[in-house]
Protein backbone atom coordinates (compact mmCIF):
# COMPACT_ATOMS: atom_id res chain seq x y z
CA MET A 1 34.80 -10.10 66.38
CA LYS A 2 38.43 -9.04 66.74
CA ASP A 3 40.39 -5.91 67.64
CA GLY A 4 40.30 -3.27 64.91
CA ALA A 5 36.94 -4.35 63.48
CA LEU A 6 34.72 -1.89 61.60
CA VAL A 7 31.26 -2.21 63.15
CA ALA A 8 27.92 -0.64 62.18
CA MET A 9 25.24 -0.24 64.85
CA GLY A 10 21.56 0.57 64.56
CA GLY A 11 19.62 2.85 66.86
CA PHE A 12 18.61 6.46 67.41
CA GLY A 13 19.84 7.81 70.73
CA VAL A 14 19.44 4.73 72.94
CA VAL A 15 16.22 3.54 71.26
CA GLY A 16 16.69 0.47 69.12
CA ILE A 17 20.37 -0.01 69.94
CA PRO A 18 21.88 -3.53 70.22
CA GLU A 19 22.50 -2.93 73.92
CA ASN A 20 23.45 -6.48 74.89
CA GLY A 21 25.78 -6.71 71.90
CA VAL A 22 27.57 -3.59 73.13
CA LEU A 23 27.82 -5.05 76.64
CA ALA A 24 29.41 -8.17 75.16
CA MET A 25 31.97 -6.02 73.31
CA VAL A 26 32.82 -4.25 76.56
CA GLU A 27 33.17 -7.57 78.38
CA LYS A 28 35.42 -8.98 75.65
CA LYS A 29 37.66 -5.88 75.97
CA LEU A 30 37.91 -5.38 72.23
CA LYS A 31 40.30 -2.58 71.21
CA ASN A 32 40.72 -0.13 68.33
CA ILE A 33 37.11 -0.52 67.21
CA ARG A 34 35.88 1.72 64.40
CA ILE A 35 32.16 2.40 64.53
CA VAL A 36 29.51 3.55 62.06
CA SER A 37 26.43 4.80 63.91
CA ASN A 38 24.02 7.70 63.78
CA VAL A 39 24.98 8.75 67.32
CA ALA A 40 27.12 7.45 70.16
CA GLY A 41 24.39 6.96 72.72
CA ILE A 42 24.84 8.58 76.13
CA ALA A 43 27.81 8.61 78.49
CA ASP A 44 26.77 5.55 80.52
CA TRP A 45 24.94 3.42 77.96
CA GLY A 46 25.35 1.99 74.48
CA ILE A 47 28.43 3.09 72.56
CA GLY A 48 29.14 5.46 75.45
CA LEU A 49 30.31 2.41 77.45
CA LEU A 50 32.84 1.54 74.74
CA LEU A 51 34.07 5.13 74.76
CA GLN A 52 34.39 5.03 78.56
CA HIS A 53 36.74 2.05 78.27
CA ASP A 54 38.85 3.56 75.45
CA GLN A 55 37.83 0.80 73.06
CA VAL A 56 36.96 3.06 70.10
CA ILE A 57 39.48 4.84 67.89
CA GLU A 58 37.12 6.20 65.21
CA MET A 59 33.47 7.26 65.07
CA ASN A 60 31.60 7.75 61.81
CA ALA A 61 28.44 9.53 62.95
CA SER A 62 26.06 12.40 62.32
CA TYR A 63 25.59 13.63 65.87
CA VAL A 64 27.65 13.95 69.04
CA GLY A 65 24.76 15.44 70.92
CA GLU A 66 24.40 14.68 74.60
CA ASN A 67 27.45 12.45 75.08
CA PRO A 68 30.03 14.55 76.97
CA ILE A 69 32.60 11.72 76.90
CA PHE A 70 32.42 11.57 73.10
CA GLU A 71 32.79 15.36 72.80
CA LYS A 72 35.70 15.48 75.27
CA LEU A 73 37.55 12.62 73.57
CA TYR A 74 37.27 14.36 70.21
CA LEU A 75 38.28 17.82 71.47
CA MET A 76 41.32 16.33 73.30
CA GLY A 77 42.48 14.21 70.37
CA GLY A 78 41.48 10.87 71.86
CA ILE A 79 39.31 9.76 68.94
CA ALA A 80 38.88 10.41 65.23
CA LEU A 81 35.47 11.76 64.18
CA ASN A 82 34.16 11.50 60.64
CA MET A 83 31.07 13.71 60.71
CA ILE A 84 28.41 12.73 58.15
CA PRO A 85 25.03 14.43 57.59
CA GLN A 86 22.37 12.08 58.91
CA GLY A 87 20.42 11.67 55.69
CA THR A 88 23.64 11.11 53.76
CA LEU A 89 24.66 8.48 56.32
CA ALA A 90 21.31 6.71 55.93
CA GLU A 91 21.63 6.80 52.14
CA ARG A 92 25.23 5.52 52.19
CA CYS A 93 24.01 2.64 54.34
CA ARG A 94 21.08 1.93 52.02
CA ILE A 95 23.09 1.91 48.79
CA GLY A 96 25.86 -0.08 50.45
CA SER A 97 23.40 -2.82 51.31
CA GLY A 98 22.00 -2.73 47.76
CA GLY A 99 25.35 -3.06 45.99
CA ILE A 100 25.31 0.51 44.64
CA PRO A 101 28.80 2.06 44.81
CA ALA A 102 27.82 5.74 45.11
CA ALA A 103 25.04 8.33 44.87
CA TYR A 104 24.71 12.08 44.43
CA VAL A 105 23.14 14.06 47.30
CA LYS A 106 22.44 17.77 47.90
CA ALA A 107 23.31 17.83 51.58
CA GLY A 108 26.55 19.61 52.41
CA VAL A 109 27.01 21.73 49.27
CA GLY A 110 28.92 24.89 50.23
CA THR A 111 30.05 23.47 53.59
CA TYR A 112 32.94 21.48 55.07
CA VAL A 113 31.38 18.36 53.56
CA GLU A 114 32.06 19.67 50.06
CA THR A 115 35.42 21.36 50.62
CA GLY A 116 36.92 18.86 53.07
CA GLY A 117 39.36 20.07 55.68
CA PHE A 118 37.18 19.38 58.72
CA PRO A 119 39.53 18.39 61.59
CA MET A 120 38.66 14.71 62.04
CA LYS A 121 41.32 14.34 64.70
CA VAL A 122 43.35 16.84 66.67
CA GLY A 123 46.60 16.35 68.59
CA PRO A 124 46.91 15.96 72.37
CA ASP A 125 47.32 19.75 72.60
CA SER A 126 43.76 20.11 71.21
CA LYS A 127 45.09 22.58 68.62
CA SER A 128 47.26 20.77 66.09
CA ILE A 129 45.36 18.92 63.36
CA VAL A 130 46.32 15.30 62.76
CA GLN A 131 43.67 14.24 60.23
CA VAL A 132 41.18 16.13 58.05
CA SER A 133 38.13 15.12 56.03
CA ARG A 134 38.40 14.66 52.27
CA PRO A 135 36.63 16.89 49.72
CA ARG A 136 33.72 15.54 47.67
CA GLU A 137 33.27 15.49 43.93
CA LYS A 138 30.61 18.04 42.92
CA ARG A 139 28.38 17.84 39.86
CA GLU A 140 25.48 19.88 38.49
CA LEU A 141 22.34 17.90 37.66
CA ASP A 142 18.92 19.36 36.84
CA ASN A 143 20.29 22.85 37.59
CA HIS A 144 21.23 21.83 41.14
CA GLU A 145 24.61 21.04 42.68
CA TYR A 146 25.19 17.60 44.19
CA LEU A 147 28.01 15.82 46.03
CA LEU A 148 29.11 12.27 45.29
CA GLU A 149 28.89 9.99 48.34
CA GLU A 150 30.10 6.39 48.42
CA GLY A 151 28.21 3.38 49.73
CA LEU A 152 29.41 1.87 53.02
CA HIS A 153 30.78 -1.57 53.85
CA VAL A 154 31.69 -2.91 57.29
CA ASP A 155 32.91 -6.11 58.93
CA PHE A 156 29.94 -6.48 61.30
CA SER A 157 26.45 -4.98 61.49
CA LEU A 158 24.80 -5.11 64.92
CA ILE A 159 21.10 -4.27 64.82
CA ARG A 160 18.08 -4.48 67.10
CA ALA A 161 14.57 -5.71 66.29
CA HIS A 162 11.46 -6.48 68.28
CA GLN A 163 10.82 -9.93 66.78
CA ALA A 164 12.59 -12.52 64.67
CA ASP A 165 11.21 -15.81 63.36
CA LYS A 166 13.03 -19.05 62.63
CA TYR A 167 13.63 -17.87 59.06
CA GLY A 168 15.53 -14.79 60.23
CA ASN A 169 12.78 -12.37 59.21
CA LEU A 170 12.61 -9.30 61.42
CA ARG A 171 9.89 -7.01 62.72
CA PHE A 172 10.63 -3.67 64.37
CA ARG A 173 8.57 -1.68 66.84
CA LYS A 174 7.63 1.98 66.41
CA THR A 175 10.55 4.44 66.35
CA ALA A 176 12.97 1.67 67.35
CA ARG A 177 13.06 0.84 63.64
CA ASN A 178 15.05 4.01 62.75
CA PHE A 179 18.52 3.16 61.37
CA ASN A 180 18.33 -0.59 62.01
CA PRO A 181 17.19 -1.79 58.55
CA ASP A 182 19.68 0.60 56.92
CA MET A 183 22.61 -0.49 59.08
CA ALA A 184 22.05 -4.18 58.39
CA GLY A 185 22.67 -5.07 54.78
CA PHE A 186 26.20 -3.75 54.20
CA GLY A 187 27.98 -5.87 56.82
CA ASP A 188 29.93 -9.04 56.07
CA VAL A 189 28.20 -10.50 59.13
CA VAL A 190 24.78 -9.17 60.18
CA ILE A 191 23.78 -9.93 63.76
CA ALA A 192 20.29 -9.14 65.03
CA GLU A 193 19.47 -8.80 68.72
CA VAL A 194 15.75 -9.30 69.28
CA ASP A 195 13.26 -9.08 72.12
CA GLN A 196 11.28 -12.13 70.98
CA ILE A 197 11.80 -15.17 68.75
CA VAL A 198 8.60 -16.60 67.25
CA ASP A 199 7.88 -19.46 64.85
CA GLU A 200 6.78 -17.24 61.99
CA ILE A 201 6.09 -13.57 61.40
CA PRO A 202 3.12 -13.16 59.00
CA PRO A 203 4.59 -12.31 55.57
CA ASP A 204 2.92 -8.90 55.27
CA GLN A 205 4.26 -7.95 58.72
CA VAL A 206 7.91 -8.69 57.89
CA HIS A 207 9.88 -5.43 57.94
CA TYR A 208 13.23 -6.95 56.97
CA PRO A 209 13.73 -10.29 55.15
CA GLY A 210 15.89 -12.99 56.68
CA CYS A 211 18.14 -13.22 53.62
CA PHE A 212 19.94 -10.10 54.89
CA VAL A 213 20.53 -11.58 58.37
CA ASP A 214 23.30 -14.03 59.37
CA ARG A 215 22.81 -14.42 63.14
CA VAL A 216 19.92 -13.88 65.56
CA TYR A 217 19.95 -13.99 69.36
CA LYS A 218 17.32 -13.19 71.97
CA SER A 219 18.18 -10.35 74.34
CA PRO A 220 19.08 -11.83 77.73
CA HIS A 221 17.63 -8.67 79.24
CA VAL A 222 15.58 -5.84 77.69
CA TYR A 223 16.49 -2.60 79.45
CA HIS A 224 14.18 -0.07 77.76
CA LYS A 225 16.20 2.99 78.74
CA VAL A 226 14.81 6.41 77.83
CA GLU A 227 17.00 9.49 77.46
CA ARG A 228 14.40 12.17 78.09
CA ILE A 229 11.05 11.44 79.69
CA ARG A 230 8.69 14.35 79.02
CA TYR A 231 5.10 14.56 80.19
CA ARG A 232 2.24 16.53 78.68
CA ASP A 233 0.92 17.79 81.98
CA ALA A 234 4.29 18.67 83.53
CA PRO A 235 4.82 22.31 84.58
CA ALA A 236 6.02 24.42 81.66
CA THR A 237 8.63 26.25 83.70
CA SER A 238 11.36 25.31 86.14
CA LYS A 239 11.48 26.35 89.81
CA ASP A 240 14.85 27.94 89.04
CA SER A 241 14.13 31.53 87.97
CA LYS A 242 16.68 31.63 85.13
CA ALA A 243 15.66 28.24 83.81
CA GLY A 244 12.00 29.21 84.16
CA ALA A 245 12.54 32.37 82.15
CA LYS A 246 14.31 30.36 79.45
CA ASP A 247 11.44 27.85 79.30
CA SER A 248 8.97 30.72 79.01
CA ARG A 249 10.89 32.29 76.13
CA ARG A 250 11.13 28.99 74.30
CA GLN A 251 7.40 28.35 74.73
CA LYS A 252 6.58 31.77 73.27
CA ILE A 253 8.77 31.00 70.25
CA ALA A 254 7.02 27.64 69.76
CA THR A 255 3.61 29.29 70.04
CA ARG A 256 4.56 31.79 67.32
CA ALA A 257 5.99 28.99 65.15
CA VAL A 258 2.64 27.16 65.18
CA LYS A 259 1.19 30.07 63.17
CA GLU A 260 3.36 28.99 60.22
CA LEU A 261 1.57 25.63 60.02
CA GLN A 262 -1.52 25.06 57.90
CA ASP A 263 -4.07 22.26 57.70
CA GLY A 264 -2.86 19.39 55.53
CA MET A 265 0.84 20.22 55.85
CA TYR A 266 3.61 17.71 56.43
CA CYS A 267 6.27 19.35 58.61
CA ASN A 268 9.55 18.04 60.01
CA LEU A 269 10.43 19.05 63.58
CA GLY A 270 14.10 19.21 64.56
CA ILE A 271 15.57 18.97 68.05
CA GLY A 272 15.24 21.68 70.68
CA ILE A 273 12.45 24.25 70.42
CA PRO A 274 10.95 22.71 67.23
CA VAL A 275 9.92 19.42 68.85
CA THR A 276 7.90 21.32 71.47
CA VAL A 277 5.62 22.47 68.64
CA ALA A 278 3.99 19.02 68.72
CA ASN A 279 2.84 19.79 72.26
CA THR A 280 1.76 23.34 71.36
CA VAL A 281 -0.17 22.65 68.15
CA MET A 282 -2.85 20.42 69.73
CA GLY A 283 -6.32 21.41 68.55
CA LYS A 284 -5.05 24.38 66.52
CA VAL A 285 -3.90 22.97 63.18
CA ASP A 286 -4.43 19.62 61.46
CA ALA A 287 -0.86 19.04 60.26
CA ASP A 288 1.21 15.85 60.15
CA LEU A 289 4.46 16.26 62.09
CA GLN A 290 7.43 14.19 60.93
CA GLY A 291 10.62 13.16 62.74
CA GLU A 292 13.91 12.18 61.13
CA ASN A 293 13.81 8.95 63.14
CA GLY A 294 10.98 7.72 60.91
CA ILE A 295 7.71 8.80 62.49
CA VAL A 296 5.01 10.62 60.53
CA GLY A 297 2.13 11.72 62.75
CA MET A 298 3.91 12.85 65.91
CA GLY A 299 1.60 13.56 68.84
CA PRO A 300 2.17 15.53 72.04
CA TYR A 301 4.12 14.34 75.07
CA PRO A 302 2.44 11.44 76.91
CA ARG A 303 0.72 11.71 80.22
CA LYS A 304 2.52 10.22 83.20
CA TYR A 305 2.73 6.41 83.16
CA GLU A 306 1.69 6.32 79.48
CA GLU A 307 5.21 6.75 78.05
CA ASP A 308 6.54 4.13 75.62
CA PRO A 309 10.35 3.64 75.51
CA ASP A 310 10.13 2.79 71.80
CA LEU A 311 8.37 6.04 70.94
CA ILE A 312 10.50 9.21 70.81
CA ASN A 313 11.00 12.35 68.72
CA ALA A 314 14.22 13.63 67.14
CA GLY A 315 15.19 15.14 70.49
CA LYS A 316 14.95 11.68 72.12
CA GLU A 317 11.93 12.79 74.16
CA THR A 318 8.93 10.58 74.86
CA ILE A 319 5.94 11.31 72.59
CA THR A 320 2.61 9.87 71.51
CA GLU A 321 1.27 8.92 68.08
CA ALA A 322 -1.35 10.99 66.28
CA ILE A 323 -4.25 9.42 64.40
CA GLY A 324 -3.06 8.14 61.02
CA HIS A 325 0.59 7.89 62.10
CA SER A 326 3.20 5.65 60.48
CA HIS A 327 6.78 4.51 61.06
CA SER A 328 9.57 3.99 58.54
CA ARG A 329 13.30 3.40 58.43
CA SER A 330 15.66 6.39 58.50
CA SER A 331 16.52 6.33 54.78
CA ASP A 332 12.81 6.56 53.92
CA ALA A 333 12.39 9.42 56.40
CA PHE A 334 15.07 11.38 54.53
CA GLY A 335 13.62 10.29 51.20
CA MET A 336 10.47 12.15 52.23
CA MET A 337 12.61 15.26 52.62
CA ARG A 338 14.70 14.92 49.45
CA GLY A 339 11.68 14.02 47.36
CA LYS A 340 9.90 17.22 48.47
CA HIS A 341 7.09 15.32 50.19
CA LEU A 342 7.33 17.68 53.17
CA HIS A 343 6.04 21.24 53.02
CA MET A 344 8.13 22.65 55.84
CA THR A 345 10.92 21.98 58.30
CA MET A 346 11.55 23.69 61.65
CA LEU A 347 15.09 23.85 63.01
CA GLY A 348 17.03 25.41 65.87
CA SER A 349 20.33 27.19 65.27
CA LEU A 350 23.49 28.58 66.85
CA GLN A 351 23.76 31.41 64.31
CA VAL A 352 21.76 32.87 61.42
CA SER A 353 22.97 35.47 58.92
CA GLU A 354 21.15 38.40 57.32
CA THR A 355 21.31 36.57 53.98
CA GLY A 356 19.53 33.47 55.29
CA ASP A 357 22.58 31.29 56.03
CA ILE A 358 22.37 28.86 58.96
CA ALA A 359 25.11 27.47 61.22
CA ASN A 360 24.01 25.02 63.90
CA TRP A 361 26.41 22.10 64.23
CA ILE A 362 29.78 23.14 65.70
CA ILE A 363 31.72 25.88 67.49
CA PRO A 364 35.31 24.91 66.59
CA GLY A 365 37.41 23.97 69.59
CA GLN A 366 34.54 24.52 72.03
CA LYS A 367 31.33 22.69 71.23
CA VAL A 368 30.53 19.80 68.88
CA LYS A 369 26.83 19.14 68.36
CA GLY A 370 27.02 17.43 65.01
CA MET A 371 25.20 17.89 61.74
CA GLY A 372 22.36 15.53 62.54
CA GLY A 373 19.71 15.84 59.86
CA ALA A 374 19.94 19.63 59.51
CA MET A 375 22.14 19.68 56.38
CA ASP A 376 19.72 17.35 54.61
CA LEU A 377 16.69 19.33 55.73
CA VAL A 378 17.94 22.75 54.59
CA ALA A 379 18.92 21.29 51.20
CA CYS A 380 15.64 19.53 50.45
CA GLY A 381 13.76 22.47 48.94
CA SER A 382 10.92 22.75 51.46
CA ARG A 383 10.23 25.91 53.47
CA VAL A 384 12.81 26.28 56.27
CA VAL A 385 11.68 27.92 59.51
CA VAL A 386 14.39 28.59 62.10
CA VAL A 387 13.28 29.00 65.72
CA MET A 388 15.85 30.09 68.29
CA GLU A 389 16.48 32.41 71.22
CA HIS A 390 17.64 35.78 69.95
CA VAL A 391 20.65 36.00 72.27
CA GLY A 392 23.02 33.19 73.23
CA PRO A 393 24.83 32.48 76.53
CA GLY A 394 26.59 35.52 77.93
CA GLY A 395 24.58 37.85 75.70
CA THR A 396 26.26 36.75 72.48
CA ALA A 397 24.45 37.72 69.29
CA LYS A 398 23.05 34.83 67.24
CA PHE A 399 21.60 36.87 64.37
CA LEU A 400 24.58 38.33 62.50
CA PRO A 401 25.49 40.02 59.22
CA LYS A 402 27.56 36.91 58.48
CA CYS A 403 27.90 33.61 60.32
CA THR A 404 31.26 33.20 62.07
CA ILE A 405 31.15 29.43 62.55
CA PRO A 406 30.98 26.62 59.94
CA LEU A 407 27.78 26.67 57.89
CA THR A 408 25.00 24.11 57.77
CA GLY A 409 23.48 25.67 54.66
CA LYS A 410 23.67 28.82 52.53
CA GLY A 411 20.74 31.12 51.76
CA CYS A 412 18.23 28.45 52.75
CA ILE A 413 16.10 30.07 55.47
CA SER A 414 12.55 31.15 54.69
CA ILE A 415 11.66 32.68 58.06
CA LEU A 416 13.43 33.24 61.38
CA ILE A 417 11.47 33.37 64.64
CA THR A 418 13.07 34.41 67.93
CA ASP A 419 11.77 35.61 71.29
CA MET A 420 12.33 39.20 70.11
CA VAL A 421 11.49 39.35 66.45
CA ALA A 422 10.41 37.48 63.35
CA TRP A 423 12.04 37.95 59.96
CA ILE A 424 11.07 36.78 56.54
CA VAL A 425 13.85 36.15 54.02
CA ILE A 426 13.19 37.30 50.44
CA ASP A 427 15.90 37.03 47.76
CA ARG A 428 18.52 36.49 50.47
CA GLU A 429 17.55 39.69 52.29
CA CYS A 430 16.18 39.50 55.83
CA LEU A 431 13.22 41.81 56.44
CA SER A 432 11.72 42.40 59.88
CA ILE A 433 8.00 41.69 60.00
CA LYS A 434 7.26 41.93 63.72
CA ILE A 435 9.07 43.04 66.88
CA ARG A 436 7.66 42.24 70.27
CA LYS A 437 6.72 45.40 72.14
CA GLY A 438 9.20 46.59 74.76
CA LEU A 439 12.17 44.64 73.39
CA CYS A 440 15.11 45.94 71.44
CA CYS A 441 17.45 43.90 69.24
CA PRO A 442 21.18 43.84 70.06
CA LYS A 443 23.42 45.22 67.34
């Protein structure tokens, strides 16, 4: 690997990342690296270490999330950021590995993804724009609008698996599978870091055939870092009064959201308040809860000492598996959404409009969360339930006549649930159906 290489990396958060491969890149002091990855890890681990050492000049990712170094570098003009909806990223990886040049997707219609012009890189003054994203070709098919997205190709693919055999076949473990199979096949050189090397993986247990893999090495050390350890029996509220009040509000929203679930449903849970529904729904509804990292059959948080570092939800929190659960790669997880195999999705948001628009991925010049899987989810045609606190930091309104920040999707919300009120959206008109007693809604 040389300076300036374009490198794809598997993983979701810090689960399933080629951690020793990243450490080797840091040690080699490679420069001007361009990276394709779902996220950039955390500040002190994974890709975050490369960012710390100014080794990366471009990130192609879906989510900035909880990496303050990544966010700061972008906002100060230290790195170029090509933001890609998570499902679109997974699909571009998949078709790239299959020799398909391009595909049409719904995600991003009516947003920056379609129009282009997103500031990929700003100047040192944090205001001037140096580089912007390109617009996408749009086409109507089956009475729906789609955007043309091209397959990806990179110099190196670094992935992580649980086992490899002497034939190069790979086997992944639980939610550590995520983006790894998708990130593998479109690299000139595919390098797999594995926990174990065995003589042979039984054929029907092979998750990824060895013909896609060029190099395999055993991890010199398996770190098993976890971003967010959550326990089922932990206190619901914080000792800090403000934080405790916030936790209480969020729990009430999750409790109300559970009422939207029905027996037999398949429902995706996004990050934030939605993922807490898995802990709230126990014993109330027999629904299968899906995560964009590939799990179907998400259970509640584990009890203390029962956590598994390879088992997380979309919010990178420790979880358990429900009876009848399964795991898949990221592209299949989003195929479930696009193919309308899910009945419902629950998302958080920064803003919601009276006409059912949603904006939840960026506050220009201030905060960069990233699209994550939200653009794919709101475009998939299933029922969209938004759960959020009614008022933002400093008393700012989040429910508005019109969103004031870049959109995630237009007219896509079915119901909005906050700590003050619930609305149902019919024909792009928001109608109040319940207001909690003693609370008034800010104008």
